[in-house]
Amino acid sequence: MKQDATRQPLIIDQRSLEEGKTYPILHFLLKHEGLYMNDKDKETGKVAAVKISEPMFVKETVQNLDTKDVYVKLCYRYKGKFHEIEVGMGQLIPSELIKLSGKGLDVSHENHRHIAKFLGEQQKLAPHREVYREVGWHEEEDGNLVFRHHHVLAKEAKPNTTHDTKGGCFQSGA
């Protein structure tokens, strides 16, 4: 699940949306006013952007190196205010996404598949970081030995890998 090192992540934030920036992703447009999908009129052949929900996007993806679990920080607007929640990647599939309407996400039965498609593609472009809870010496998948403390000490720099201070076992200053 490592991000392609040659591709820069697409950083989307609430402020840039509020300032009027538009983010085109596949046949979707993310704007301050909402998430739009380009739809082609069958009779005229004209393409028009149709609003399918309030704005929502994946702010970042996070993978726990110990458990291999991946979650996303999902940002969405509800009642005019932006909110963030952390959800597992499995909750971005259409059948699970609709359940997040209980948190205030604008996910209708008619559009949940389109929204899931947008979030699935957009999360591939979002910034990615890795966290861990177990500190000490660890062997990575490629066989390299690294030391995990507040940051990973390894042969090559790992700037996107940090200790998960929220759920970790490490107590500093004890």
C-alpha atoms as a PDB file:
ATOM      1  CA  MET A   1       0.000   0.000   0.000  1.00  0.00           C
ATOM      2  CA  LYS A   2       2.993   2.303  -0.391  1.00  0.00           C
ATOM      3  CA  GLN A   3       2.399   5.406  -2.414  1.00  0.00           C
ATOM      4  CA  ASP A   4       4.247   5.708  -5.701  1.00  0.00           C
ATOM      5  CA  ALA A   5       7.338   7.734  -4.830  1.00  0.00           C
ATOM      6  CA  THR A   6       7.330   9.468  -8.234  1.00  0.00           C
ATOM      7  CA  ARG A   7       3.791  10.830  -7.825  1.00  0.00           C
ATOM      8  CA  GLN A   8       3.036  13.778  -5.582  1.00  0.00           C
ATOM      9  CA  PRO A   9      -0.020  13.295  -3.375  1.00  0.00           C
ATOM     10  CA  LEU A  10      -3.093  15.384  -4.129  1.00  0.00           C
ATOM     11  CA  ILE A  11      -3.659  17.368  -0.949  1.00  0.00           C
ATOM     12  CA  ILE A  12      -7.255  18.502  -0.535  1.00  0.00           C
ATOM     13  CA  ASP A  13      -8.285  20.615   2.429  1.00  0.00           C
ATOM     14  CA  GLN A  14     -11.373  22.430   3.602  1.00  0.00           C
ATOM     15  CA  ARG A  15      -9.822  25.879   3.235  1.00  0.00           C
ATOM     16  CA  SER A  16      -9.007  25.474  -0.454  1.00  0.00           C
ATOM     17  CA  LEU A  17     -12.535  24.189  -1.106  1.00  0.00           C
ATOM     18  CA  GLU A  18     -14.004  27.179   0.738  1.00  0.00           C
ATOM     19  CA  GLU A  19     -11.801  29.475  -1.359  1.00  0.00           C
ATOM     20  CA  GLY A  20     -13.376  28.055  -4.503  1.00  0.00           C
ATOM     21  CA  LYS A  21     -10.819  25.514  -5.690  1.00  0.00           C
ATOM     22  CA  THR A  22     -12.201  22.644  -7.798  1.00  0.00           C
ATOM     23  CA  TYR A  23     -10.640  19.183  -7.840  1.00  0.00           C
ATOM     24  CA  PRO A  24     -11.352  17.093 -10.979  1.00  0.00           C
ATOM     25  CA  ILE A  25     -10.941  13.342 -10.400  1.00  0.00           C
ATOM     26  CA  LEU A  26     -12.008  10.978 -13.185  1.00  0.00           C
ATOM     27  CA  HIS A  27     -15.502  12.132 -14.191  1.00  0.00           C
ATOM     28  CA  PHE A  28     -16.133  13.801 -10.822  1.00  0.00           C
ATOM     29  CA  LEU A  29     -15.679  17.382  -9.637  1.00  0.00           C
ATOM     30  CA  LEU A  30     -15.176  18.189  -5.962  1.00  0.00           C
ATOM     31  CA  LYS A  31     -16.193  21.777  -5.176  1.00  0.00           C
ATOM     32  CA  HIS A  32     -17.202  23.780  -2.116  1.00  0.00           C
ATOM     33  CA  GLU A  33     -20.828  23.402  -3.181  1.00  0.00           C
ATOM     34  CA  GLY A  34     -20.610  19.615  -3.348  1.00  0.00           C
ATOM     35  CA  LEU A  35     -19.461  16.530  -5.201  1.00  0.00           C
ATOM     36  CA  TYR A  36     -20.503  16.553  -8.841  1.00  0.00           C
ATOM     37  CA  MET A  37     -20.498  13.856 -11.494  1.00  0.00           C
ATOM     38  CA  ASN A  38     -20.278  14.604 -15.200  1.00  0.00           C
ATOM     39  CA  ASP A  39     -23.351  13.122 -16.853  1.00  0.00           C
ATOM     40  CA  LYS A  40     -24.022  12.927 -20.580  1.00  0.00           C
ATOM     41  CA  ASP A  41     -27.546  13.723 -21.768  1.00  0.00           C
ATOM     42  CA  LYS A  42     -28.669  10.824 -23.987  1.00  0.00           C
ATOM     43  CA  GLU A  43     -30.751  13.043 -26.288  1.00  0.00           C
ATOM     44  CA  THR A  44     -28.475  16.052 -26.781  1.00  0.00           C
ATOM     45  CA  GLY A  45     -25.103  14.459 -26.049  1.00  0.00           C
ATOM     46  CA  LYS A  46     -24.164  17.415 -23.855  1.00  0.00           C
ATOM     47  CA  VAL A  47     -22.169  16.779 -20.695  1.00  0.00           C
ATOM     48  CA  ALA A  48     -23.377  18.475 -17.523  1.00  0.00           C
ATOM     49  CA  ALA A  49     -22.126  18.310 -13.947  1.00  0.00           C
ATOM     50  CA  VAL A  50     -24.813  16.904 -11.647  1.00  0.00           C
ATOM     51  CA  LYS A  51     -24.529  17.264  -7.866  1.00  0.00           C
ATOM     52  CA  ILE A  52     -24.561  13.872  -6.134  1.00  0.00           C
ATOM     53  CA  SER A  53     -23.697  14.864  -2.550  1.00  0.00           C
ATOM     54  CA  GLU A  54     -22.269  17.421  -0.177  1.00  0.00           C
ATOM     55  CA  PRO A  55     -18.457  17.667  -0.424  1.00  0.00           C
ATOM     56  CA  MET A  56     -16.461  14.758   1.007  1.00  0.00           C
ATOM     57  CA  PHE A  57     -12.947  13.499   0.452  1.00  0.00           C
ATOM     58  CA  VAL A  58     -10.180  11.334   1.899  1.00  0.00           C
ATOM     59  CA  LYS A  59      -7.730  13.632   3.670  1.00  0.00           C
ATOM     60  CA  GLU A  60      -5.091  10.909   4.119  1.00  0.00           C
ATOM     61  CA  THR A  61      -4.596   7.160   4.260  1.00  0.00           C
ATOM     62  CA  VAL A  62      -2.836   5.547   7.237  1.00  0.00           C
ATOM     63  CA  GLN A  63      -1.457   2.021   7.578  1.00  0.00           C
ATOM     64  CA  ASN A  64      -0.465   0.423  10.877  1.00  0.00           C
ATOM     65  CA  LEU A  65       2.777  -1.474  10.222  1.00  0.00           C
ATOM     66  CA  ASP A  66       2.146  -3.914  13.087  1.00  0.00           C
ATOM     67  CA  THR A  67      -1.403  -4.976  12.197  1.00  0.00           C
ATOM     68  CA  LYS A  68      -1.377  -4.030   8.467  1.00  0.00           C
ATOM     69  CA  ASP A  69      -4.777  -2.353   9.042  1.00  0.00           C
ATOM     70  CA  VAL A  70      -5.477   0.624   6.790  1.00  0.00           C
ATOM     71  CA  TYR A  71      -7.838   3.432   7.616  1.00  0.00           C
ATOM     72  CA  VAL A  72      -8.640   6.775   6.047  1.00  0.00           C
ATOM     73  CA  LYS A  73      -9.360  10.199   7.449  1.00  0.00           C
ATOM     74  CA  LEU A  74     -12.616  11.077   5.777  1.00  0.00           C
ATOM     75  CA  CYS A  75     -13.549  14.750   5.659  1.00  0.00           C
ATOM     76  CA  TYR A  76     -17.157  15.745   4.891  1.00  0.00           C
ATOM     77  CA  ARG A  77     -19.524  18.662   5.274  1.00  0.00           C
ATOM     78  CA  TYR A  78     -22.635  18.344   7.404  1.00  0.00           C
ATOM     79  CA  LYS A  79     -24.964  21.277   8.159  1.00  0.00           C
ATOM     80  CA  GLY A  80     -22.439  23.735   6.697  1.00  0.00           C
ATOM     81  CA  LYS A  81     -19.500  22.576   8.849  1.00  0.00           C
ATOM     82  CA  PHE A  82     -16.640  20.247   7.909  1.00  0.00           C
ATOM     83  CA  HIS A  83     -16.051  17.182  10.082  1.00  0.00           C
ATOM     84  CA  GLU A  84     -13.408  14.415  10.052  1.00  0.00           C
ATOM     85  CA  ILE A  85     -13.777  10.758  10.991  1.00  0.00           C
ATOM     86  CA  GLU A  86     -11.423   7.802  10.767  1.00  0.00           C
ATOM     87  CA  VAL A  87     -12.911   4.792   8.995  1.00  0.00           C
ATOM     88  CA  GLY A  88     -11.488   1.492   7.809  1.00  0.00           C
ATOM     89  CA  MET A  89     -10.879   1.054   4.092  1.00  0.00           C
ATOM     90  CA  GLY A  90     -13.644  -1.553   4.049  1.00  0.00           C
ATOM     91  CA  GLN A  91     -16.177   1.132   4.897  1.00  0.00           C
ATOM     92  CA  LEU A  92     -15.605   2.841   1.534  1.00  0.00           C
ATOM     93  CA  ILE A  93     -17.302   0.036  -0.410  1.00  0.00           C
ATOM     94  CA  PRO A  94     -20.860   0.884  -1.518  1.00  0.00           C
ATOM     95  CA  SER A  95     -22.726  -1.441   0.853  1.00  0.00           C
ATOM     96  CA  GLU A  96     -20.833  -0.081   3.892  1.00  0.00           C
ATOM     97  CA  LEU A  97     -20.578   3.550   2.799  1.00  0.00           C
ATOM     98  CA  ILE A  98     -24.316   4.090   3.049  1.00  0.00           C
ATOM     99  CA  LYS A  99     -24.120   3.206   6.765  1.00  0.00           C
ATOM    100  CA  LEU A 100     -21.954   6.287   7.325  1.00  0.00           C
ATOM    101  CA  SER A 101     -24.987   8.469   6.691  1.00  0.00           C
ATOM    102  CA  GLY A 102     -25.565   8.042  10.437  1.00  0.00           C
ATOM    103  CA  LYS A 103     -22.444  10.205  10.965  1.00  0.00           C
ATOM    104  CA  GLY A 104     -23.842  12.941   8.726  1.00  0.00           C
ATOM    105  CA  LEU A 105     -22.338  11.949   5.368  1.00  0.00           C
ATOM    106  CA  ASP A 106     -24.603  12.833   2.460  1.00  0.00           C
ATOM    107  CA  VAL A 107     -24.779   9.318   1.005  1.00  0.00           C
ATOM    108  CA  SER A 108     -28.083   8.490  -0.636  1.00  0.00           C
ATOM    109  CA  HIS A 109     -29.205   5.088  -1.838  1.00  0.00           C
ATOM    110  CA  GLU A 110     -29.344   6.465  -5.399  1.00  0.00           C
ATOM    111  CA  ASN A 111     -25.749   7.753  -5.402  1.00  0.00           C
ATOM    112  CA  HIS A 112     -23.799   5.586  -2.945  1.00  0.00           C
ATOM    113  CA  ARG A 113     -22.071   3.628  -5.742  1.00  0.00           C
ATOM    114  CA  HIS A 114     -20.913   6.820  -7.479  1.00  0.00           C
ATOM    115  CA  ILE A 115     -19.641   8.280  -4.204  1.00  0.00           C
ATOM    116  CA  ALA A 116     -17.802   5.029  -3.393  1.00  0.00           C
ATOM    117  CA  LYS A 117     -16.186   5.133  -6.862  1.00  0.00           C
ATOM    118  CA  PHE A 118     -15.055   8.719  -6.295  1.00  0.00           C
ATOM    119  CA  LEU A 119     -13.644   8.017  -2.802  1.00  0.00           C
ATOM    120  CA  GLY A 120     -11.956   4.825  -4.028  1.00  0.00           C
ATOM    121  CA  GLU A 121     -10.129   6.703  -6.769  1.00  0.00           C
ATOM    122  CA  GLN A 122      -9.433   9.833  -4.744  1.00  0.00           C
ATOM    123  CA  GLN A 123      -7.903   7.898  -1.813  1.00  0.00           C
ATOM    124  CA  LYS A 124      -5.239   6.574  -4.201  1.00  0.00           C
ATOM    125  CA  LEU A 125      -4.092  10.185  -4.677  1.00  0.00           C
ATOM    126  CA  ALA A 126      -4.307  11.233  -1.006  1.00  0.00           C
ATOM    127  CA  PRO A 127      -1.225  11.600   1.198  1.00  0.00           C
ATOM    128  CA  HIS A 128      -0.210   8.345   2.907  1.00  0.00           C
ATOM    129  CA  ARG A 129       1.603   7.714   6.161  1.00  0.00           C
ATOM    130  CA  GLU A 130       2.536   4.700   8.226  1.00  0.00           C
ATOM    131  CA  VAL A 131       2.293   4.298  11.992  1.00  0.00           C
ATOM    132  CA  TYR A 132       3.374   1.632  14.476  1.00  0.00           C
ATOM    133  CA  ARG A 133       2.718   0.829  18.102  1.00  0.00           C
ATOM    134  CA  GLU A 134       5.449  -1.693  18.851  1.00  0.00           C
ATOM    135  CA  VAL A 135       8.786  -0.023  19.555  1.00  0.00           C
ATOM    136  CA  GLY A 136      12.245  -1.628  19.397  1.00  0.00           C
ATOM    137  CA  TRP A 137      14.015  -3.666  16.718  1.00  0.00           C
ATOM    138  CA  HIS A 138      11.892  -4.947  13.804  1.00  0.00           C
ATOM    139  CA  GLU A 139      12.623  -6.724  10.581  1.00  0.00           C
ATOM    140  CA  GLU A 140      10.848  -5.170   7.619  1.00  0.00           C
ATOM    141  CA  GLU A 141       9.317  -7.136   4.743  1.00  0.00           C
ATOM    142  CA  ASP A 142      12.447  -6.543   2.637  1.00  0.00           C
ATOM    143  CA  GLY A 143      14.629  -8.038   5.397  1.00  0.00           C
ATOM    144  CA  ASN A 144      16.145  -4.760   6.617  1.00  0.00           C
ATOM    145  CA  LEU A 145      16.474  -4.327  10.359  1.00  0.00           C
ATOM    146  CA  VAL A 146      15.104  -1.041  11.733  1.00  0.00           C
ATOM    147  CA  PHE A 147      14.718   0.475  15.179  1.00  0.00           C
ATOM    148  CA  ARG A 148      11.330   1.986  16.012  1.00  0.00           C
ATOM    149  CA  HIS A 149      11.082   4.644  18.673  1.00  0.00           C
ATOM    150  CA  HIS A 150       9.472   8.067  18.169  1.00  0.00           C
ATOM    151  CA  HIS A 151      10.602   7.703  14.543  1.00  0.00           C
ATOM    152  CA  VAL A 152      11.996   4.785  12.551  1.00  0.00           C
ATOM    153  CA  LEU A 153      15.772   4.642  12.429  1.00  0.00           C
ATOM    154  CA  ALA A 154      16.809   2.864   9.238  1.00  0.00           C
ATOM    155  CA  LYS A 155      19.373   2.961   6.422  1.00  0.00           C
ATOM    156  CA  GLU A 156      16.990   5.043   4.305  1.00  0.00           C
ATOM    157  CA  ALA A 157      14.924   7.922   5.701  1.00  0.00           C
ATOM    158  CA  LYS A 158      11.249   7.154   6.365  1.00  0.00           C
ATOM    159  CA  PRO A 159       9.657  10.575   6.907  1.00  0.00           C
ATOM    160  CA  ASN A 160       6.062   9.291   6.652  1.00  0.00           C
ATOM    161  CA  THR A 161       6.491   6.657   9.385  1.00  0.00           C
ATOM    162  CA  THR A 162       5.893   7.616  13.013  1.00  0.00           C
ATOM    163  CA  HIS A 163       4.884   6.139  16.347  1.00  0.00           C
ATOM    164  CA  ASP A 164       1.118   5.923  16.867  1.00  0.00           C
ATOM    165  CA  THR A 165       0.967   7.998  20.023  1.00  0.00           C
ATOM    166  CA  LYS A 166      -2.822   7.662  20.317  1.00  0.00           C
ATOM    167  CA  GLY A 167      -2.899   3.905  20.701  1.00  0.00           C
ATOM    168  CA  GLY A 168       0.713   2.987  21.333  1.00  0.00           C
ATOM    169  CA  CYS A 169       2.290   1.275  24.299  1.00  0.00           C
ATOM    170  CA  PHE A 170       5.306   3.602  24.487  1.00  0.00           C
ATOM    171  CA  GLN A 171       5.192   6.112  27.341  1.00  0.00           C
ATOM    172  CA  SER A 172       7.702   8.955  27.075  1.00  0.00           C
ATOM    173  CA  GLY A 173       8.955  10.682  30.214  1.00  0.00           C
ATOM    174  CA  ALA A 174       7.917   7.837  32.548  1.00  0.00           C
END
